[in-house]
Amino acid sequence: MLRRVSSAYRLGEAEAADAVAAVWLKLVENTGYLRDGSAVTGWLITTLRRACLARASAHSPERPVADFAGFDKPVDLIDFDRWLLAADRRQMVHRAPM
């Protein structure tokens, strides 16, 4: 069941197995805090989803817009959108057949 949950996050096989093992270890560490044994399955799934999401986002190629734009200071997204639109317009005019 836990392998199936971890496979939804497109982690590698080893990384998914590590996440599952870490969740089982967390369960053992927190056994004293369990009040309702019937809630263990839900707790395992929720904790595994959070662990997989953290692992997946740690490897995410996402970067702030400022990194792509070459700016060192924060970017005003509205101004950046206007700049992108103007750049696209210039490029389309440049490529237009005469």
Protein backbone atom coordinates (compact mmCIF):
# COMPACT_ATOMS: atom_id res chain seq x y z
CA MET A 1 0.00 0.00 0.00
CA LEU A 2 2.75 2.49 0.92
CA ARG A 3 4.76 1.71 -2.21
CA ARG A 4 1.70 2.51 -4.30
CA VAL A 5 1.30 5.87 -2.52
CA SER A 6 4.97 6.76 -2.99
CA SER A 7 4.87 5.84 -6.69
CA ALA A 8 2.44 8.70 -7.32
CA TYR A 9 5.25 11.21 -6.62
CA ARG A 10 7.53 9.92 -9.40
CA LEU A 11 10.46 9.36 -7.12
CA GLY A 12 13.15 6.87 -8.04
CA GLU A 13 12.74 3.37 -6.68
CA ALA A 14 15.46 3.81 -4.06
CA GLU A 15 14.20 7.21 -2.97
CA ALA A 16 10.62 5.92 -2.66
CA ALA A 17 11.88 2.98 -0.57
CA ASP A 18 13.80 5.43 1.64
CA ALA A 19 10.65 7.50 2.15
CA VAL A 20 8.65 4.41 3.12
CA ALA A 21 11.37 3.28 5.53
CA ALA A 22 11.57 6.75 7.08
CA VAL A 23 7.80 6.75 7.65
CA TRP A 24 7.92 3.34 9.34
CA LEU A 25 10.75 4.62 11.55
CA LYS A 26 8.70 7.71 12.39
CA LEU A 27 5.81 5.44 13.37
CA VAL A 28 8.05 3.47 15.73
CA GLU A 29 9.38 6.70 17.24
CA ASN A 30 5.84 8.05 17.79
CA THR A 31 4.13 4.85 18.95
CA GLY A 32 3.73 6.26 22.46
CA TYR A 33 1.64 9.13 21.14
CA LEU A 34 -0.93 6.98 19.34
CA ARG A 35 -4.38 7.22 20.87
CA ASP A 36 -6.37 5.25 18.32
CA GLY A 37 -4.88 2.20 16.64
CA SER A 38 -7.40 2.34 13.81
CA ALA A 39 -5.92 5.68 12.70
CA VAL A 40 -2.48 4.21 11.97
CA THR A 41 -3.19 3.55 8.29
CA GLY A 42 -4.33 7.11 7.66
CA TRP A 43 -1.37 8.46 9.64
CA LEU A 44 1.06 6.35 7.61
CA ILE A 45 -0.40 7.50 4.29
CA THR A 46 -0.51 11.18 5.28
CA THR A 47 3.02 11.11 6.67
CA LEU A 48 4.30 9.29 3.57
CA ARG A 49 2.64 11.81 1.24
CA ARG A 50 4.31 14.65 3.11
CA ALA A 51 7.68 12.89 3.03
CA CYS A 52 7.40 12.17 -0.70
CA LEU A 53 6.32 15.71 -1.45
CA ALA A 54 9.30 17.07 0.49
CA ARG A 55 11.67 14.76 -1.39
CA ALA A 56 10.13 15.60 -4.76
CA SER A 57 10.24 19.35 -4.17
CA ALA A 58 13.86 19.13 -2.96
CA HIS A 59 14.81 17.95 -6.46
CA SER A 60 12.51 20.33 -8.28
CA PRO A 61 14.12 22.28 -11.10
CA GLU A 62 11.95 25.31 -10.33
CA ARG A 63 13.79 28.57 -9.84
CA PRO A 64 12.55 32.07 -9.10
CA VAL A 65 11.81 34.27 -12.12
CA ALA A 66 14.65 36.59 -11.13
CA ASP A 67 17.18 33.78 -11.72
CA PHE A 68 16.07 33.43 -15.34
CA ALA A 69 15.86 37.15 -15.93
CA GLY A 70 19.36 37.80 -14.59
CA PHE A 71 18.13 40.26 -11.98
CA ASP A 72 19.80 40.50 -8.58
CA LYS A 73 16.94 42.33 -6.88
CA PRO A 74 13.32 41.20 -6.46
CA VAL A 75 11.23 41.36 -9.61
CA ASP A 76 7.87 43.08 -9.82
CA LEU A 77 5.89 40.39 -11.64
CA ILE A 78 3.57 42.85 -13.36
CA ASP A 79 6.50 44.78 -14.81
CA PHE A 80 8.20 41.52 -15.74
CA ASP A 81 5.03 40.35 -17.55
CA ARG A 82 4.93 43.62 -19.48
CA TRP A 83 8.59 43.21 -20.38
CA LEU A 84 7.96 39.64 -21.60
CA LEU A 85 5.00 40.74 -23.71
CA ALA A 86 7.01 43.57 -25.23
CA ALA A 87 9.90 41.19 -25.97
CA ASP A 88 7.53 38.73 -27.64
CA ARG A 89 6.00 41.51 -29.70
CA ARG A 90 9.43 42.71 -30.85
CA GLN A 91 10.41 39.15 -31.76
CA MET A 92 7.22 38.59 -33.76
CA VAL A 93 7.70 41.85 -35.65
CA HIS A 94 11.32 40.93 -36.36
CA ARG A 95 10.31 37.51 -37.73
CA ALA A 96 7.32 38.74 -39.74
CA PRO A 97 7.64 38.33 -43.51
CA MET A 98 8.03 41.54 -45.43
